[in-house]
Structure formats: C-alpha cells, structure tokens
C-alpha cells in the first residue's frame, strides 16, 4: 500500500485555520518548493544546510537502489509468512501515523513530493525500523511490542527515519565513502558520475545497515521531532522513546536499531533542549 501526500485523506493534516497564529505554518508548507534540501526557512529546529557531498551521488540512483532493496526485503518477508497484511491492526496504525507525517515532508526535500511513500510491517523480534531513500518505510514488530511504543513514540521513530531519507544522509555517506578514494576518481571523471552512480545502484543491503554519523543522527532527531510535532504528536515522546531505547540496550544488548542509532545522555539532552522550539507547533496542530 502506498501513501501519497496528495491523497484526500491527507487534506485534513494540511488544512489551515484562518487565525493569524497559523500564518507561519501556512508559509512553512508553501515556502521553498524548489529549495529541496537546505532546510525550510521557517523550520523551528536548526540543523543547517544538508551536506553538499550528496550531490556527487545522483539522487535517482540512490532512490532506485532503495526501492529495489525494499522490494527484495518484502519478498523475503512474504516468503516466510512474516509480512503483515493490509488488515493487520498494527500496520493500519503505522500507516495512519505516516499519513499524518508525510504532508510535512516536502519542505525538507522537494523530491519527496514525487516519492511513492510506502509503509510495511515485518514480523520479527528485532527492535528495528527504517526509511529507505525514496520514502520506503518498514517497522519490525519487535520495536512496537518489546518497547510498547505509544503512538507519539512511534511517530518519533518514524519521523527520525523519514528525516534520514529527507536529508539524504545515505546519499551523502556513500559519496563521502567513495571520496576517500582518489577524490571521487577525479570528480567522477569530471562529473560524468559513472563510477559513483554505479556505486549507488549497487548499494544493496548497505542501505539498511548503513551507519550514520553523529551529526546525521542529531539532524534526524531534530527534523523528526519537528515533523512529528507539526503532525500533532507530543514532542516529549522523543525523550521517553530514547529512555526506553537505553533501557532495552542495557537489558538485551545487540539491538539492531541501536547498532546504527546509538543512544546516550547527549541525545536526550539535545532533544530536551529543542522541545520548547516545537511545543507551539504541537499545540497548534492539536487545535486544528
């Protein structure tokens, strides 16, 4: 099932009040239609500009690799009887939350307007979730059941993973990895980009297991926090989520999600420091 931002059921998420208090939100939704990645001018969190390194890997190549990898993963899960059907209550819950978040994605990345957003649930004890480049989201039942996530906490996980895709962290990481070679093969043969494009097309499982930098993780935390707040999810859930993650890490160890998303007091402190910046967005969303 694909989730598209222009579907009728998303209209209520972007419907604006005539009250003057909503004017900044209107501007946020309409502004920067062509400013794909610099970060919306009216964003409340400050994450700066997206990495310029991403430009060395064609966006369509990395998104195509994401779609292919995602399809393969779903086929493997289906073959094992682990892919949730459309009537699964937990999957319906995830899709409803995504339906509220997705309308706020485009200001962070204009390409997201054309992504064929998709959300699926895979039966597994793994505590894991991800969003592939191109808007392909998957949750594992383990993260929902073992952490007993509330809707607000699910929205924080989903917003965080969407933010990785919107800020094109995978694209930038691959470009930087390739750049440790011969200066991206002399600018990928003076911007022919052949080798770098091939690398993106061959990305395979790297897109699931890719480890992001600490700055990438901070960006994803803050952009995801704002996405969720604008969609009407309590920002304080970001703190309770990471406290649950930290407890799960101590009790179980080796959690897949935490292998690529390390927790720690600094993470929670940064989120707490940014709560006041998005609190009004949350309150306004709850009024609409």
C-alpha atoms as a PDB file:
ATOM      1  CA  UNK A   1       0.000   0.000   0.000  1.00  0.00           C
ATOM      2  CA  UNK A   2       1.427   3.366  -0.994  1.00  0.00           C
ATOM      3  CA  UNK A   3       0.833   6.565   0.907  1.00  0.00           C
ATOM      4  CA  UNK A   4       0.759   9.698  -1.200  1.00  0.00           C
ATOM      5  CA  UNK A   5       0.799  13.216   0.127  1.00  0.00           C
ATOM      6  CA  UNK A   6      -1.887  14.349  -2.338  1.00  0.00           C
ATOM      7  CA  UNK A   7      -4.476  11.770  -1.311  1.00  0.00           C
ATOM      8  CA  UNK A   8      -7.769  13.167   0.029  1.00  0.00           C
ATOM      9  CA  UNK A   9      -7.366  11.664   3.492  1.00  0.00           C
ATOM     10  CA  UNK A  10      -4.267  13.799   3.998  1.00  0.00           C
ATOM     11  CA  UNK A  11      -6.138  17.021   3.359  1.00  0.00           C
ATOM     12  CA  UNK A  12      -7.108  17.478   6.991  1.00  0.00           C
ATOM     13  CA  UNK A  13      -3.447  17.342   8.026  1.00  0.00           C
ATOM     14  CA  UNK A  14      -2.640  20.389   5.938  1.00  0.00           C
ATOM     15  CA  UNK A  15      -5.901  22.318   6.365  1.00  0.00           C
ATOM     16  CA  UNK A  16      -5.123  25.660   7.913  1.00  0.00           C
ATOM     17  CA  UNK A  17      -7.076  27.814  10.301  1.00  0.00           C
ATOM     18  CA  UNK A  18      -7.893  31.340   9.287  1.00  0.00           C
ATOM     19  CA  UNK A  19      -6.460  32.545  12.570  1.00  0.00           C
ATOM     20  CA  UNK A  20      -3.340  34.650  12.274  1.00  0.00           C
ATOM     21  CA  UNK A  21      -1.451  32.245  14.540  1.00  0.00           C
ATOM     22  CA  UNK A  22      -1.384  29.789  11.669  1.00  0.00           C
ATOM     23  CA  UNK A  23       0.225  32.144   9.153  1.00  0.00           C
ATOM     24  CA  UNK A  24       3.765  30.876   9.861  1.00  0.00           C
ATOM     25  CA  UNK A  25       2.598  27.309   9.312  1.00  0.00           C
ATOM     26  CA  UNK A  26       0.993  28.250   6.010  1.00  0.00           C
ATOM     27  CA  UNK A  27       4.246  29.839   4.929  1.00  0.00           C
ATOM     28  CA  UNK A  28       6.155  26.739   6.044  1.00  0.00           C
ATOM     29  CA  UNK A  29       4.040  24.441   3.916  1.00  0.00           C
ATOM     30  CA  UNK A  30       4.184  26.604   0.808  1.00  0.00           C
ATOM     31  CA  UNK A  31       7.676  28.023   1.040  1.00  0.00           C
ATOM     32  CA  UNK A  32      10.799  26.596  -0.506  1.00  0.00           C
ATOM     33  CA  UNK A  33       9.035  24.435  -3.072  1.00  0.00           C
ATOM     34  CA  UNK A  34      12.249  24.462  -5.029  1.00  0.00           C
ATOM     35  CA  UNK A  35      14.635  24.609  -2.065  1.00  0.00           C
ATOM     36  CA  UNK A  36      14.990  20.875  -1.795  1.00  0.00           C
ATOM     37  CA  UNK A  37      17.490  20.337   0.963  1.00  0.00           C
ATOM     38  CA  UNK A  38      18.682  23.500   2.632  1.00  0.00           C
ATOM     39  CA  UNK A  39      16.067  23.193   5.362  1.00  0.00           C
ATOM     40  CA  UNK A  40      12.863  25.233   5.422  1.00  0.00           C
ATOM     41  CA  UNK A  41      13.332  28.902   6.225  1.00  0.00           C
ATOM     42  CA  UNK A  42      10.589  28.710   8.848  1.00  0.00           C
ATOM     43  CA  UNK A  43      11.748  25.479  10.442  1.00  0.00           C
ATOM     44  CA  UNK A  44      11.866  25.754  14.211  1.00  0.00           C
ATOM     45  CA  UNK A  45      14.837  23.437  14.725  1.00  0.00           C
ATOM     46  CA  UNK A  46      18.232  24.461  13.444  1.00  0.00           C
ATOM     47  CA  UNK A  47      20.091  21.777  11.512  1.00  0.00           C
ATOM     48  CA  UNK A  48      21.839  23.939   8.937  1.00  0.00           C
ATOM     49  CA  UNK A  49      22.226  23.045   5.295  1.00  0.00           C
ATOM     50  CA  UNK A  50      22.321  19.467   4.091  1.00  0.00           C
ATOM     51  CA  UNK A  51      25.702  18.044   3.114  1.00  0.00           C
ATOM     52  CA  UNK A  52      26.917  19.171  -0.287  1.00  0.00           C
ATOM     53  CA  UNK A  53      28.670  15.804  -0.665  1.00  0.00           C
ATOM     54  CA  UNK A  54      25.317  14.236  -1.542  1.00  0.00           C
ATOM     55  CA  UNK A  55      25.435  15.979  -4.910  1.00  0.00           C
ATOM     56  CA  UNK A  56      28.189  13.617  -6.014  1.00  0.00           C
ATOM     57  CA  UNK A  57      25.741  10.683  -6.000  1.00  0.00           C
ATOM     58  CA  UNK A  58      22.700  11.034  -8.293  1.00  0.00           C
ATOM     59  CA  UNK A  59      19.506  11.143  -6.219  1.00  0.00           C
ATOM     60  CA  UNK A  60      17.567   8.995  -8.654  1.00  0.00           C
ATOM     61  CA  UNK A  61      20.225   6.271  -8.476  1.00  0.00           C
ATOM     62  CA  UNK A  62      20.166   6.011  -4.698  1.00  0.00           C
ATOM     63  CA  UNK A  63      16.360   6.136  -4.621  1.00  0.00           C
ATOM     64  CA  UNK A  64      16.147   3.379  -7.243  1.00  0.00           C
ATOM     65  CA  UNK A  65      18.547   1.274  -5.167  1.00  0.00           C
ATOM     66  CA  UNK A  66      16.316   1.865  -2.137  1.00  0.00           C
ATOM     67  CA  UNK A  67      13.193   0.776  -3.986  1.00  0.00           C
ATOM     68  CA  UNK A  68      14.920  -2.376  -5.224  1.00  0.00           C
ATOM     69  CA  UNK A  69      16.307  -3.275  -1.788  1.00  0.00           C
ATOM     70  CA  UNK A  70      12.938  -2.631  -0.154  1.00  0.00           C
ATOM     71  CA  UNK A  71      11.144  -4.844  -2.655  1.00  0.00           C
ATOM     72  CA  UNK A  72      13.590  -7.662  -2.042  1.00  0.00           C
ATOM     73  CA  UNK A  73      13.127  -7.371   1.707  1.00  0.00           C
ATOM     74  CA  UNK A  74       9.345  -7.520   1.392  1.00  0.00           C
ATOM     75  CA  UNK A  75       9.553 -10.564  -0.855  1.00  0.00           C
ATOM     76  CA  UNK A  76      11.764 -12.347   1.659  1.00  0.00           C
ATOM     77  CA  UNK A  77       9.353 -11.499   4.479  1.00  0.00           C
ATOM     78  CA  UNK A  78       6.352 -12.616   2.402  1.00  0.00           C
ATOM     79  CA  UNK A  79       8.040 -15.937   1.623  1.00  0.00           C
ATOM     80  CA  UNK A  80       8.459 -16.535   5.356  1.00  0.00           C
ATOM     81  CA  UNK A  81       4.883 -15.512   6.142  1.00  0.00           C
ATOM     82  CA  UNK A  82       6.247 -12.526   8.091  1.00  0.00           C
ATOM     83  CA  UNK A  83       4.810  -9.683   6.028  1.00  0.00           C
ATOM     84  CA  UNK A  84       1.751  -8.133   7.652  1.00  0.00           C
ATOM     85  CA  UNK A  85      -1.402  -7.969   5.540  1.00  0.00           C
ATOM     86  CA  UNK A  86      -3.340  -4.785   4.919  1.00  0.00           C
ATOM     87  CA  UNK A  87      -5.879  -5.690   7.613  1.00  0.00           C
ATOM     88  CA  UNK A  88      -3.259  -6.059  10.344  1.00  0.00           C
ATOM     89  CA  UNK A  89      -4.178  -3.563  13.133  1.00  0.00           C
ATOM     90  CA  UNK A  90      -0.571  -2.652  13.865  1.00  0.00           C
ATOM     91  CA  UNK A  91       0.108  -1.989  10.185  1.00  0.00           C
ATOM     92  CA  UNK A  92      -3.022   0.139   9.938  1.00  0.00           C
ATOM     93  CA  UNK A  93      -1.793   2.070  12.958  1.00  0.00           C
ATOM     94  CA  UNK A  94       1.601   2.675  11.324  1.00  0.00           C
ATOM     95  CA  UNK A  95       0.010   3.821   8.084  1.00  0.00           C
ATOM     96  CA  UNK A  96      -2.293   6.203   9.919  1.00  0.00           C
ATOM     97  CA  UNK A  97       0.687   7.784  11.687  1.00  0.00           C
ATOM     98  CA  UNK A  98       2.593   8.032   8.400  1.00  0.00           C
ATOM     99  CA  UNK A  99      -0.448   9.658   6.833  1.00  0.00           C
ATOM    100  CA  UNK A 100      -0.140  12.486   9.330  1.00  0.00           C
ATOM    101  CA  UNK A 101       3.623  12.909   8.990  1.00  0.00           C
ATOM    102  CA  UNK A 102       4.073  12.743   5.225  1.00  0.00           C
ATOM    103  CA  UNK A 103       2.325  16.039   4.343  1.00  0.00           C
ATOM    104  CA  UNK A 104       5.060  17.876   6.247  1.00  0.00           C
ATOM    105  CA  UNK A 105       7.947  16.180   4.435  1.00  0.00           C
ATOM    106  CA  UNK A 106       8.141  18.192   1.214  1.00  0.00           C
ATOM    107  CA  UNK A 107       9.510  21.437   2.690  1.00  0.00           C
ATOM    108  CA  UNK A 108      12.534  19.440   3.817  1.00  0.00           C
ATOM    109  CA  UNK A 109      13.081  17.854   0.401  1.00  0.00           C
ATOM    110  CA  UNK A 110      11.156  18.819  -2.716  1.00  0.00           C
ATOM    111  CA  UNK A 111      11.798  15.371  -4.244  1.00  0.00           C
ATOM    112  CA  UNK A 112       9.577  13.871  -1.554  1.00  0.00           C
ATOM    113  CA  UNK A 113       6.539  15.232  -3.370  1.00  0.00           C
ATOM    114  CA  UNK A 114       7.052  12.552  -6.042  1.00  0.00           C
ATOM    115  CA  UNK A 115       8.092   9.704  -3.776  1.00  0.00           C
ATOM    116  CA  UNK A 116       5.747   6.739  -3.698  1.00  0.00           C
ATOM    117  CA  UNK A 117       5.587   6.542   0.072  1.00  0.00           C
ATOM    118  CA  UNK A 118       5.029   3.069   1.419  1.00  0.00           C
ATOM    119  CA  UNK A 119       4.765   1.583   4.918  1.00  0.00           C
ATOM    120  CA  UNK A 120       5.004  -2.095   5.787  1.00  0.00           C
ATOM    121  CA  UNK A 121       5.308  -4.213   8.922  1.00  0.00           C
ATOM    122  CA  UNK A 122       7.544  -7.260   9.209  1.00  0.00           C
ATOM    123  CA  UNK A 123       7.090  -9.903  11.892  1.00  0.00           C
ATOM    124  CA  UNK A 124      10.402 -10.157  13.708  1.00  0.00           C
ATOM    125  CA  UNK A 125      11.714  -9.871  17.270  1.00  0.00           C
ATOM    126  CA  UNK A 126      14.255  -7.366  16.031  1.00  0.00           C
ATOM    127  CA  UNK A 127      13.965  -3.886  17.505  1.00  0.00           C
ATOM    128  CA  UNK A 128      14.335  -2.057  14.241  1.00  0.00           C
ATOM    129  CA  UNK A 129      12.752   0.365  11.771  1.00  0.00           C
ATOM    130  CA  UNK A 130      13.986   2.302   8.757  1.00  0.00           C
ATOM    131  CA  UNK A 131      13.037   4.545   5.860  1.00  0.00           C
ATOM    132  CA  UNK A 132      14.786   3.893   2.568  1.00  0.00           C
ATOM    133  CA  UNK A 133      15.687   6.717   0.179  1.00  0.00           C
ATOM    134  CA  UNK A 134      12.530   7.398  -1.796  1.00  0.00           C
ATOM    135  CA  UNK A 135      10.135   7.037   1.143  1.00  0.00           C
ATOM    136  CA  UNK A 136      10.038   3.271   1.729  1.00  0.00           C
ATOM    137  CA  UNK A 137       9.290   2.703   5.424  1.00  0.00           C
ATOM    138  CA  UNK A 138       9.415  -0.579   7.348  1.00  0.00           C
ATOM    139  CA  UNK A 139       8.880  -1.388  11.003  1.00  0.00           C
ATOM    140  CA  UNK A 140       9.629  -4.688  12.705  1.00  0.00           C
ATOM    141  CA  UNK A 141       7.091  -5.956  15.221  1.00  0.00           C
ATOM    142  CA  UNK A 142       9.817  -6.181  17.847  1.00  0.00           C
ATOM    143  CA  UNK A 143      10.182  -2.430  18.168  1.00  0.00           C
ATOM    144  CA  UNK A 144       6.440  -1.999  18.716  1.00  0.00           C
ATOM    145  CA  UNK A 145       5.908  -4.929  21.055  1.00  0.00           C
ATOM    146  CA  UNK A 146       9.082  -5.061  23.118  1.00  0.00           C
ATOM    147  CA  UNK A 147       9.235  -1.324  23.732  1.00  0.00           C
ATOM    148  CA  UNK A 148       5.443  -0.976  23.995  1.00  0.00           C
ATOM    149  CA  UNK A 149       5.526   2.222  21.974  1.00  0.00           C
ATOM    150  CA  UNK A 150       2.718   4.743  22.206  1.00  0.00           C
ATOM    151  CA  UNK A 151       1.508   6.438  19.013  1.00  0.00           C
ATOM    152  CA  UNK A 152       3.558   9.509  19.952  1.00  0.00           C
ATOM    153  CA  UNK A 153       6.687   7.387  20.345  1.00  0.00           C
ATOM    154  CA  UNK A 154       6.039   5.571  17.059  1.00  0.00           C
ATOM    155  CA  UNK A 155       5.764   8.976  15.393  1.00  0.00           C
ATOM    156  CA  UNK A 156       9.169   9.925  16.801  1.00  0.00           C
ATOM    157  CA  UNK A 157      10.774   6.765  15.417  1.00  0.00           C
ATOM    158  CA  UNK A 158       9.067   7.226  12.058  1.00  0.00           C
ATOM    159  CA  UNK A 159       9.865  10.930  11.880  1.00  0.00           C
ATOM    160  CA  UNK A 160      13.506  10.194  12.669  1.00  0.00           C
ATOM    161  CA  UNK A 161      13.760   7.579   9.923  1.00  0.00           C
ATOM    162  CA  UNK A 162      11.924   9.795   7.426  1.00  0.00           C
ATOM    163  CA  UNK A 163      14.370  12.578   8.277  1.00  0.00           C
ATOM    164  CA  UNK A 164      17.331  10.389   7.292  1.00  0.00           C
ATOM    165  CA  UNK A 165      15.719   9.967   3.864  1.00  0.00           C
ATOM    166  CA  UNK A 166      14.670  13.609   3.543  1.00  0.00           C
ATOM    167  CA  UNK A 167      18.116  14.914   4.477  1.00  0.00           C
ATOM    168  CA  UNK A 168      19.615  12.291   2.120  1.00  0.00           C
ATOM    169  CA  UNK A 169      22.089  11.002   4.667  1.00  0.00           C
ATOM    170  CA  UNK A 170      22.604   7.701   2.837  1.00  0.00           C
ATOM    171  CA  UNK A 171      23.394   9.553  -0.360  1.00  0.00           C
ATOM    172  CA  UNK A 172      25.895  11.790   1.419  1.00  0.00           C
ATOM    173  CA  UNK A 173      27.517   8.910   3.314  1.00  0.00           C
ATOM    174  CA  UNK A 174      28.072   6.960   0.105  1.00  0.00           C
ATOM    175  CA  UNK A 175      29.573   9.992  -1.583  1.00  0.00           C
ATOM    176  CA  UNK A 176      31.911  10.566   1.354  1.00  0.00           C
ATOM    177  CA  UNK A 177      32.908   6.886   1.415  1.00  0.00           C
ATOM    178  CA  UNK A 178      33.712   6.969  -2.271  1.00  0.00           C
ATOM    179  CA  UNK A 179      35.517  10.261  -1.736  1.00  0.00           C
ATOM    180  CA  UNK A 180      38.092   8.605   0.497  1.00  0.00           C
ATOM    181  CA  UNK A 181      39.440   7.099  -2.718  1.00  0.00           C
ATOM    182  CA  UNK A 182      41.037   9.151  -5.447  1.00  0.00           C
ATOM    183  CA  UNK A 183      38.948  12.279  -4.794  1.00  0.00           C
ATOM    184  CA  UNK A 184      35.911  10.506  -6.174  1.00  0.00           C
ATOM    185  CA  UNK A 185      38.002   9.397  -9.134  1.00  0.00           C
ATOM    186  CA  UNK A 186      38.825  12.982 -10.065  1.00  0.00           C
ATOM    187  CA  UNK A 187      35.297  14.215  -9.595  1.00  0.00           C
ATOM    188  CA  UNK A 188      33.818  11.021 -11.037  1.00  0.00           C
ATOM    189  CA  UNK A 189      35.660  11.702 -14.273  1.00  0.00           C
ATOM    190  CA  UNK A 190      34.871  15.402 -14.203  1.00  0.00           C
ATOM    191  CA  UNK A 191      31.230  14.992 -13.221  1.00  0.00           C
ATOM    192  CA  UNK A 192      30.409  12.144 -15.576  1.00  0.00           C
ATOM    193  CA  UNK A 193      29.496  10.423 -12.284  1.00  0.00           C
ATOM    194  CA  UNK A 194      29.674   6.980 -13.821  1.00  0.00           C
ATOM    195  CA  UNK A 195      31.526   5.225 -11.009  1.00  0.00           C
ATOM    196  CA  UNK A 196      29.601   6.978  -8.263  1.00  0.00           C
ATOM    197  CA  UNK A 197      26.297   6.266  -9.985  1.00  0.00           C
ATOM    198  CA  UNK A 198      27.234   2.615 -10.304  1.00  0.00           C
ATOM    199  CA  UNK A 199      28.107   2.528  -6.624  1.00  0.00           C
ATOM    200  CA  UNK A 200      24.663   3.876  -5.746  1.00  0.00           C
ATOM    201  CA  UNK A 201      22.977   1.321  -7.975  1.00  0.00           C
ATOM    202  CA  UNK A 202      24.955  -1.453  -6.284  1.00  0.00           C
ATOM    203  CA  UNK A 203      24.120  -0.181  -2.795  1.00  0.00           C
ATOM    204  CA  UNK A 204      22.177  -3.317  -1.858  1.00  0.00           C
ATOM    205  CA  UNK A 205      21.982  -4.126   1.821  1.00  0.00           C
ATOM    206  CA  UNK A 206      24.170  -1.136   2.683  1.00  0.00           C
ATOM    207  CA  UNK A 207      21.030   0.986   2.760  1.00  0.00           C
ATOM    208  CA  UNK A 208      19.651  -0.997   5.696  1.00  0.00           C
ATOM    209  CA  UNK A 209      22.896  -1.444   7.625  1.00  0.00           C
ATOM    210  CA  UNK A 210      24.406   1.961   6.856  1.00  0.00           C
ATOM    211  CA  UNK A 211      25.753   3.689   9.954  1.00  0.00           C
ATOM    212  CA  UNK A 212      25.242   7.417  10.028  1.00  0.00           C
ATOM    213  CA  UNK A 213      27.490   9.972  11.664  1.00  0.00           C
ATOM    214  CA  UNK A 214      26.710  11.594  14.993  1.00  0.00           C
ATOM    215  CA  UNK A 215      25.748  14.806  13.179  1.00  0.00           C
ATOM    216  CA  UNK A 216      23.428  12.826  10.873  1.00  0.00           C
ATOM    217  CA  UNK A 217      21.752  11.294  13.910  1.00  0.00           C
ATOM    218  CA  UNK A 218      21.299  14.684  15.556  1.00  0.00           C
ATOM    219  CA  UNK A 219      19.781  16.084  12.353  1.00  0.00           C
ATOM    220  CA  UNK A 220      17.400  13.149  12.090  1.00  0.00           C
ATOM    221  CA  UNK A 221      16.384  13.515  15.741  1.00  0.00           C
ATOM    222  CA  UNK A 222      15.578  17.203  15.355  1.00  0.00           C
ATOM    223  CA  UNK A 223      13.932  17.099  11.925  1.00  0.00           C
ATOM    224  CA  UNK A 224      11.915  14.066  13.025  1.00  0.00           C
ATOM    225  CA  UNK A 225      10.937  15.909  16.206  1.00  0.00           C
ATOM    226  CA  UNK A 226       9.586  18.810  14.165  1.00  0.00           C
ATOM    227  CA  UNK A 227       7.785  16.589  11.663  1.00  0.00           C
ATOM    228  CA  UNK A 228       6.030  14.753  14.474  1.00  0.00           C
ATOM    229  CA  UNK A 229       5.141  17.948  16.362  1.00  0.00           C
ATOM    230  CA  UNK A 230       3.622  19.511  13.233  1.00  0.00           C
ATOM    231  CA  UNK A 231       1.579  16.340  12.771  1.00  0.00           C
ATOM    232  CA  UNK A 232       0.187  16.651  16.302  1.00  0.00           C
ATOM    233  CA  UNK A 233       2.377  14.175  18.188  1.00  0.00           C
ATOM    234  CA  UNK A 234       3.699  15.089  21.627  1.00  0.00           C
ATOM    235  CA  UNK A 235       7.365  16.149  21.350  1.00  0.00           C
ATOM    236  CA  UNK A 236       8.049  14.893  24.885  1.00  0.00           C
ATOM    237  CA  UNK A 237       7.647  11.371  23.493  1.00  0.00           C
ATOM    238  CA  UNK A 238      11.069  11.770  21.879  1.00  0.00           C
ATOM    239  CA  UNK A 239      12.598  11.738  25.361  1.00  0.00           C
ATOM    240  CA  UNK A 240      10.539   8.804  26.647  1.00  0.00           C
ATOM    241  CA  UNK A 241      11.384   6.889  23.447  1.00  0.00           C
ATOM    242  CA  UNK A 242      15.129   7.192  23.908  1.00  0.00           C
ATOM    243  CA  UNK A 243      14.866   6.344  27.587  1.00  0.00           C
ATOM    244  CA  UNK A 244      13.127   3.130  26.542  1.00  0.00           C
ATOM    245  CA  UNK A 245      15.864   2.519  23.974  1.00  0.00           C
ATOM    246  CA  UNK A 246      18.551   2.994  26.593  1.00  0.00           C
ATOM    247  CA  UNK A 247      16.823   0.581  28.989  1.00  0.00           C
ATOM    248  CA  UNK A 248      16.383  -2.007  26.237  1.00  0.00           C
ATOM    249  CA  UNK A 249      20.041  -1.702  25.328  1.00  0.00           C
ATOM    250  CA  UNK A 250      21.119  -2.456  28.894  1.00  0.00           C
ATOM    251  CA  UNK A 251      18.697  -5.356  29.272  1.00  0.00           C
ATOM    252  CA  UNK A 252      19.249  -7.075  25.955  1.00  0.00           C
ATOM    253  CA  UNK A 253      22.285  -5.694  24.177  1.00  0.00           C
ATOM    254  CA  UNK A 254      22.995  -6.049  20.477  1.00  0.00           C
ATOM    255  CA  UNK A 255      19.791  -4.366  19.351  1.00  0.00           C
ATOM    256  CA  UNK A 256      19.764  -3.845  15.609  1.00  0.00           C
ATOM    257  CA  UNK A 257      18.298  -0.369  15.861  1.00  0.00           C
ATOM    258  CA  UNK A 258      20.868   0.760  18.400  1.00  0.00           C
ATOM    259  CA  UNK A 259      23.756  -0.616  16.350  1.00  0.00           C
ATOM    260  CA  UNK A 260      23.057   2.176  13.868  1.00  0.00           C
ATOM    261  CA  UNK A 261      21.350   4.611  16.278  1.00  0.00           C
ATOM    262  CA  UNK A 262      23.444   4.660  19.475  1.00  0.00           C
ATOM    263  CA  UNK A 263      21.691   6.122  22.487  1.00  0.00           C
ATOM    264  CA  UNK A 264      23.159   8.157  25.303  1.00  0.00           C
ATOM    265  CA  UNK A 265      22.558  11.123  27.601  1.00  0.00           C
ATOM    266  CA  UNK A 266      23.740  13.636  24.985  1.00  0.00           C
ATOM    267  CA  UNK A 267      20.991  12.528  22.624  1.00  0.00           C
ATOM    268  CA  UNK A 268      18.279  13.051  25.226  1.00  0.00           C
ATOM    269  CA  UNK A 269      19.775  16.383  26.320  1.00  0.00           C
ATOM    270  CA  UNK A 270      19.699  17.741  22.760  1.00  0.00           C
ATOM    271  CA  UNK A 271      16.091  16.662  22.347  1.00  0.00           C
ATOM    272  CA  UNK A 272      15.096  18.226  25.650  1.00  0.00           C
ATOM    273  CA  UNK A 273      16.796  21.480  24.647  1.00  0.00           C
ATOM    274  CA  UNK A 274      14.729  21.587  21.457  1.00  0.00           C
ATOM    275  CA  UNK A 275      11.349  20.755  22.978  1.00  0.00           C
ATOM    276  CA  UNK A 276      10.450  24.435  23.561  1.00  0.00           C
ATOM    277  CA  UNK A 277      11.115  25.180  19.873  1.00  0.00           C
ATOM    278  CA  UNK A 278       8.412  22.796  18.674  1.00  0.00           C
ATOM    279  CA  UNK A 279       5.933  22.914  21.539  1.00  0.00           C
ATOM    280  CA  UNK A 280       3.818  25.588  19.880  1.00  0.00           C
ATOM    281  CA  UNK A 281       3.709  23.571  16.640  1.00  0.00           C
ATOM    282  CA  UNK A 282       2.322  20.660  18.627  1.00  0.00           C
ATOM    283  CA  UNK A 283      -0.254  22.795  20.427  1.00  0.00           C
ATOM    284  CA  UNK A 284      -1.411  24.386  17.170  1.00  0.00           C
ATOM    285  CA  UNK A 285      -1.680  21.007  15.481  1.00  0.00           C
ATOM    286  CA  UNK A 286      -3.831  19.699  18.326  1.00  0.00           C
ATOM    287  CA  UNK A 287      -6.205  22.652  17.873  1.00  0.00           C
ATOM    288  CA  UNK A 288      -6.734  22.049  14.153  1.00  0.00           C
END
